[in-house]
Amino acid sequence: MRSILFCLRKGQKVPLHTSHHRVITLVLSGKGGFFLGSEENSVELKEGEFVLYEREEPHGFYALEDMVVLAFIF
């Protein structure tokens, strides 16, 4: 397992992409929109909430306010 810490300012974005692994993104602080398969389909998450992406599922996110996200890749 790997982990990556993302620190985004309001308005910053991690573009839609895929991974060969499953990914969990956990919001540690702030609030953002998380893409579910496409940029047209997203869910808003806040501190303490997470989403699980399956292998090869397109994903990415953007900050609605300053946001810290911890991603687990496994």
N, C-alpha and C. Protein backbone atom coordinates (compact mmCIF):
# COMPACT_ATOMS: atom_id res chain seq x y z
N MET A 1 0.85 -1.17 0.00
CA MET A 1 0.00 0.00 0.00
C MET A 1 0.90 1.24 0.00
N ARG A 2 0.45 2.24 -0.74
CA ARG A 2 1.10 3.54 -0.75
C ARG A 2 0.09 4.58 -0.29
N SER A 3 0.58 5.68 0.23
CA SER A 3 -0.31 6.79 0.58
C SER A 3 0.28 8.08 0.02
N ILE A 4 -0.61 8.97 -0.37
CA ILE A 4 -0.21 10.27 -0.91
C ILE A 4 -1.07 11.33 -0.22
N LEU A 5 -0.42 12.39 0.25
CA LEU A 5 -1.12 13.49 0.89
C LEU A 5 -1.24 14.64 -0.10
N PHE A 6 -2.46 15.07 -0.38
CA PHE A 6 -2.73 16.19 -1.27
C PHE A 6 -3.18 17.38 -0.43
N CYS A 7 -2.55 18.53 -0.65
CA CYS A 7 -2.93 19.77 0.02
C CYS A 7 -3.31 20.75 -1.09
N LEU A 8 -4.61 21.00 -1.21
CA LEU A 8 -5.11 21.85 -2.30
C LEU A 8 -5.70 23.14 -1.74
N ARG A 9 -5.48 24.21 -2.48
CA ARG A 9 -6.14 25.48 -2.19
C ARG A 9 -7.48 25.50 -2.91
N LYS A 10 -8.39 26.31 -2.41
CA LYS A 10 -9.70 26.44 -3.05
C LYS A 10 -9.51 26.67 -4.55
N GLY A 11 -10.21 25.87 -5.37
CA GLY A 11 -10.15 26.01 -6.82
C GLY A 11 -9.14 25.09 -7.51
N GLN A 12 -8.20 24.53 -6.76
CA GLN A 12 -7.24 23.62 -7.37
C GLN A 12 -7.90 22.27 -7.66
N LYS A 13 -7.30 21.54 -8.61
CA LYS A 13 -7.93 20.32 -9.11
C LYS A 13 -6.88 19.24 -9.40
N VAL A 14 -7.23 18.01 -9.11
CA VAL A 14 -6.46 16.84 -9.57
C VAL A 14 -7.26 16.29 -10.74
N PRO A 15 -6.73 16.39 -11.96
CA PRO A 15 -7.49 16.02 -13.15
C PRO A 15 -7.91 14.55 -13.17
N LEU A 16 -8.95 14.28 -13.89
CA LEU A 16 -9.46 12.92 -14.06
C LEU A 16 -8.36 12.02 -14.62
N HIS A 17 -8.19 10.85 -14.01
CA HIS A 17 -7.17 9.88 -14.43
C HIS A 17 -7.60 8.49 -13.96
N THR A 18 -6.83 7.47 -14.31
CA THR A 18 -7.10 6.11 -13.87
C THR A 18 -5.86 5.54 -13.18
N SER A 19 -6.07 4.42 -12.49
CA SER A 19 -4.98 3.73 -11.81
C SER A 19 -5.17 2.22 -12.00
N HIS A 20 -4.07 1.50 -11.99
CA HIS A 20 -4.13 0.04 -12.06
C HIS A 20 -4.50 -0.56 -10.71
N HIS A 21 -4.64 0.29 -9.70
CA HIS A 21 -4.90 -0.15 -8.33
C HIS A 21 -6.21 0.45 -7.82
N ARG A 22 -6.70 -0.11 -6.71
CA ARG A 22 -7.84 0.50 -6.02
C ARG A 22 -7.33 1.71 -5.25
N VAL A 23 -8.18 2.71 -5.09
CA VAL A 23 -7.79 3.94 -4.40
C VAL A 23 -8.90 4.36 -3.45
N ILE A 24 -8.51 4.71 -2.23
CA ILE A 24 -9.44 5.33 -1.28
C ILE A 24 -8.95 6.76 -1.08
N THR A 25 -9.85 7.73 -1.23
CA THR A 25 -9.51 9.12 -0.94
C THR A 25 -10.30 9.54 0.30
N LEU A 26 -9.58 9.99 1.32
CA LEU A 26 -10.16 10.40 2.60
C LEU A 26 -9.92 11.89 2.80
N VAL A 27 -10.98 12.63 3.05
CA VAL A 27 -10.85 14.07 3.29
C VAL A 27 -10.46 14.28 4.75
N LEU A 28 -9.28 14.86 4.96
CA LEU A 28 -8.81 15.14 6.32
C LEU A 28 -9.28 16.51 6.81
N SER A 29 -9.41 17.45 5.87
CA SER A 29 -9.96 18.77 6.22
C SER A 29 -10.48 19.43 4.95
N GLY A 30 -11.43 20.33 5.14
CA GLY A 30 -12.00 21.05 4.01
C GLY A 30 -13.14 20.31 3.34
N LYS A 31 -13.39 20.71 2.09
CA LYS A 31 -14.52 20.16 1.33
C LYS A 31 -14.17 20.21 -0.14
N GLY A 32 -14.63 19.17 -0.90
CA GLY A 32 -14.35 19.15 -2.32
C GLY A 32 -15.30 18.27 -3.09
N GLY A 33 -15.18 18.32 -4.41
CA GLY A 33 -15.96 17.49 -5.31
C GLY A 33 -15.08 16.36 -5.82
N PHE A 34 -15.60 15.15 -5.79
CA PHE A 34 -14.85 13.96 -6.20
C PHE A 34 -15.54 13.32 -7.39
N PHE A 35 -14.79 13.22 -8.50
CA PHE A 35 -15.32 12.67 -9.75
C PHE A 35 -15.57 11.17 -9.60
N LEU A 36 -16.71 10.72 -10.11
CA LEU A 36 -17.09 9.31 -10.09
C LEU A 36 -17.24 8.83 -11.53
N GLY A 37 -16.12 8.48 -12.15
CA GLY A 37 -16.15 7.97 -13.52
C GLY A 37 -16.03 9.03 -14.60
N SER A 38 -16.47 10.26 -14.30
CA SER A 38 -16.36 11.36 -15.27
C SER A 38 -16.47 12.68 -14.51
N GLU A 39 -16.07 13.76 -15.17
CA GLU A 39 -16.18 15.07 -14.53
C GLU A 39 -17.64 15.53 -14.42
N GLU A 40 -18.52 14.92 -15.20
CA GLU A 40 -19.94 15.28 -15.15
C GLU A 40 -20.65 14.62 -13.96
N ASN A 41 -20.02 13.62 -13.35
CA ASN A 41 -20.62 12.88 -12.24
C ASN A 41 -19.68 13.01 -11.03
N SER A 42 -20.11 13.77 -10.03
CA SER A 42 -19.26 13.96 -8.85
C SER A 42 -20.10 13.99 -7.59
N VAL A 43 -19.42 13.79 -6.47
CA VAL A 43 -20.06 13.84 -5.16
C VAL A 43 -19.25 14.80 -4.30
N GLU A 44 -19.92 15.54 -3.44
CA GLU A 44 -19.25 16.47 -2.54
C GLU A 44 -18.94 15.76 -1.22
N LEU A 45 -17.67 15.83 -0.81
CA LEU A 45 -17.25 15.21 0.44
C LEU A 45 -16.62 16.26 1.35
N LYS A 46 -16.78 16.04 2.66
CA LYS A 46 -16.18 16.93 3.65
C LYS A 46 -15.34 16.11 4.62
N GLU A 47 -14.75 16.78 5.59
CA GLU A 47 -13.85 16.14 6.56
C GLU A 47 -14.44 14.84 7.12
N GLY A 48 -13.63 13.78 7.07
CA GLY A 48 -14.03 12.48 7.60
C GLY A 48 -14.73 11.58 6.61
N GLU A 49 -15.06 12.08 5.43
CA GLU A 49 -15.74 11.27 4.43
C GLU A 49 -14.74 10.77 3.39
N PHE A 50 -15.08 9.65 2.74
CA PHE A 50 -14.17 9.05 1.77
C PHE A 50 -14.94 8.42 0.63
N VAL A 51 -14.19 8.09 -0.43
CA VAL A 51 -14.75 7.36 -1.56
C VAL A 51 -13.73 6.30 -1.98
N LEU A 52 -14.24 5.15 -2.42
CA LEU A 52 -13.40 4.06 -2.91
C LEU A 52 -13.54 3.97 -4.41
N TYR A 53 -12.41 3.98 -5.11
CA TYR A 53 -12.40 3.81 -6.56
C TYR A 53 -11.82 2.44 -6.89
N GLU A 54 -12.46 1.75 -7.79
CA GLU A 54 -11.98 0.44 -8.24
C GLU A 54 -10.87 0.62 -9.27
N ARG A 55 -10.15 -0.46 -9.56
CA ARG A 55 -9.09 -0.43 -10.58
C ARG A 55 -9.65 0.10 -11.90
N GLU A 56 -8.89 0.95 -12.55
CA GLU A 56 -9.21 1.52 -13.86
C GLU A 56 -10.43 2.44 -13.87
N GLU A 57 -11.02 2.72 -12.72
CA GLU A 57 -12.16 3.65 -12.66
C GLU A 57 -11.63 5.09 -12.72
N PRO A 58 -12.09 5.88 -13.68
CA PRO A 58 -11.64 7.27 -13.76
C PRO A 58 -12.00 8.02 -12.48
N HIS A 59 -11.04 8.80 -11.97
CA HIS A 59 -11.27 9.55 -10.74
C HIS A 59 -10.39 10.80 -10.72
N GLY A 60 -10.74 11.70 -9.84
CA GLY A 60 -10.03 12.96 -9.63
C GLY A 60 -10.87 13.78 -8.66
N PHE A 61 -10.40 14.97 -8.31
CA PHE A 61 -11.17 15.80 -7.38
C PHE A 61 -10.75 17.27 -7.49
N TYR A 62 -11.57 18.13 -6.90
CA TYR A 62 -11.29 19.57 -6.90
C TYR A 62 -11.70 20.14 -5.55
N ALA A 63 -11.02 21.19 -5.14
CA ALA A 63 -11.25 21.79 -3.82
C ALA A 63 -12.30 22.89 -3.89
N LEU A 64 -13.36 22.73 -3.11
CA LEU A 64 -14.38 23.78 -2.98
C LEU A 64 -13.95 24.81 -1.94
N GLU A 65 -13.02 24.41 -1.08
CA GLU A 65 -12.35 25.27 -0.11
C GLU A 65 -10.98 24.62 0.13
N ASP A 66 -10.10 25.30 0.84
CA ASP A 66 -8.81 24.66 1.11
C ASP A 66 -9.07 23.26 1.66
N MET A 67 -8.33 22.26 1.15
CA MET A 67 -8.66 20.88 1.45
C MET A 67 -7.39 20.04 1.54
N VAL A 68 -7.40 19.09 2.48
CA VAL A 68 -6.33 18.10 2.61
C VAL A 68 -6.95 16.73 2.42
N VAL A 69 -6.39 15.94 1.50
CA VAL A 69 -6.92 14.61 1.16
C VAL A 69 -5.78 13.60 1.28
N LEU A 70 -6.06 12.48 1.92
CA LEU A 70 -5.10 11.38 2.00
C LEU A 70 -5.61 10.27 1.10
N ALA A 71 -4.79 9.88 0.13
CA ALA A 71 -5.16 8.81 -0.80
C ALA A 71 -4.38 7.55 -0.44
N PHE A 72 -5.09 6.44 -0.36
CA PHE A 72 -4.48 5.14 -0.13
C PHE A 72 -4.59 4.34 -1.43
N ILE A 73 -3.46 3.87 -1.94
CA ILE A 73 -3.42 3.12 -3.20
C ILE A 73 -3.01 1.70 -2.87
N PHE A 74 -3.88 0.73 -3.24
CA PHE A 74 -3.59 -0.67 -2.88
C PHE A 74 -4.10 -1.63 -3.92
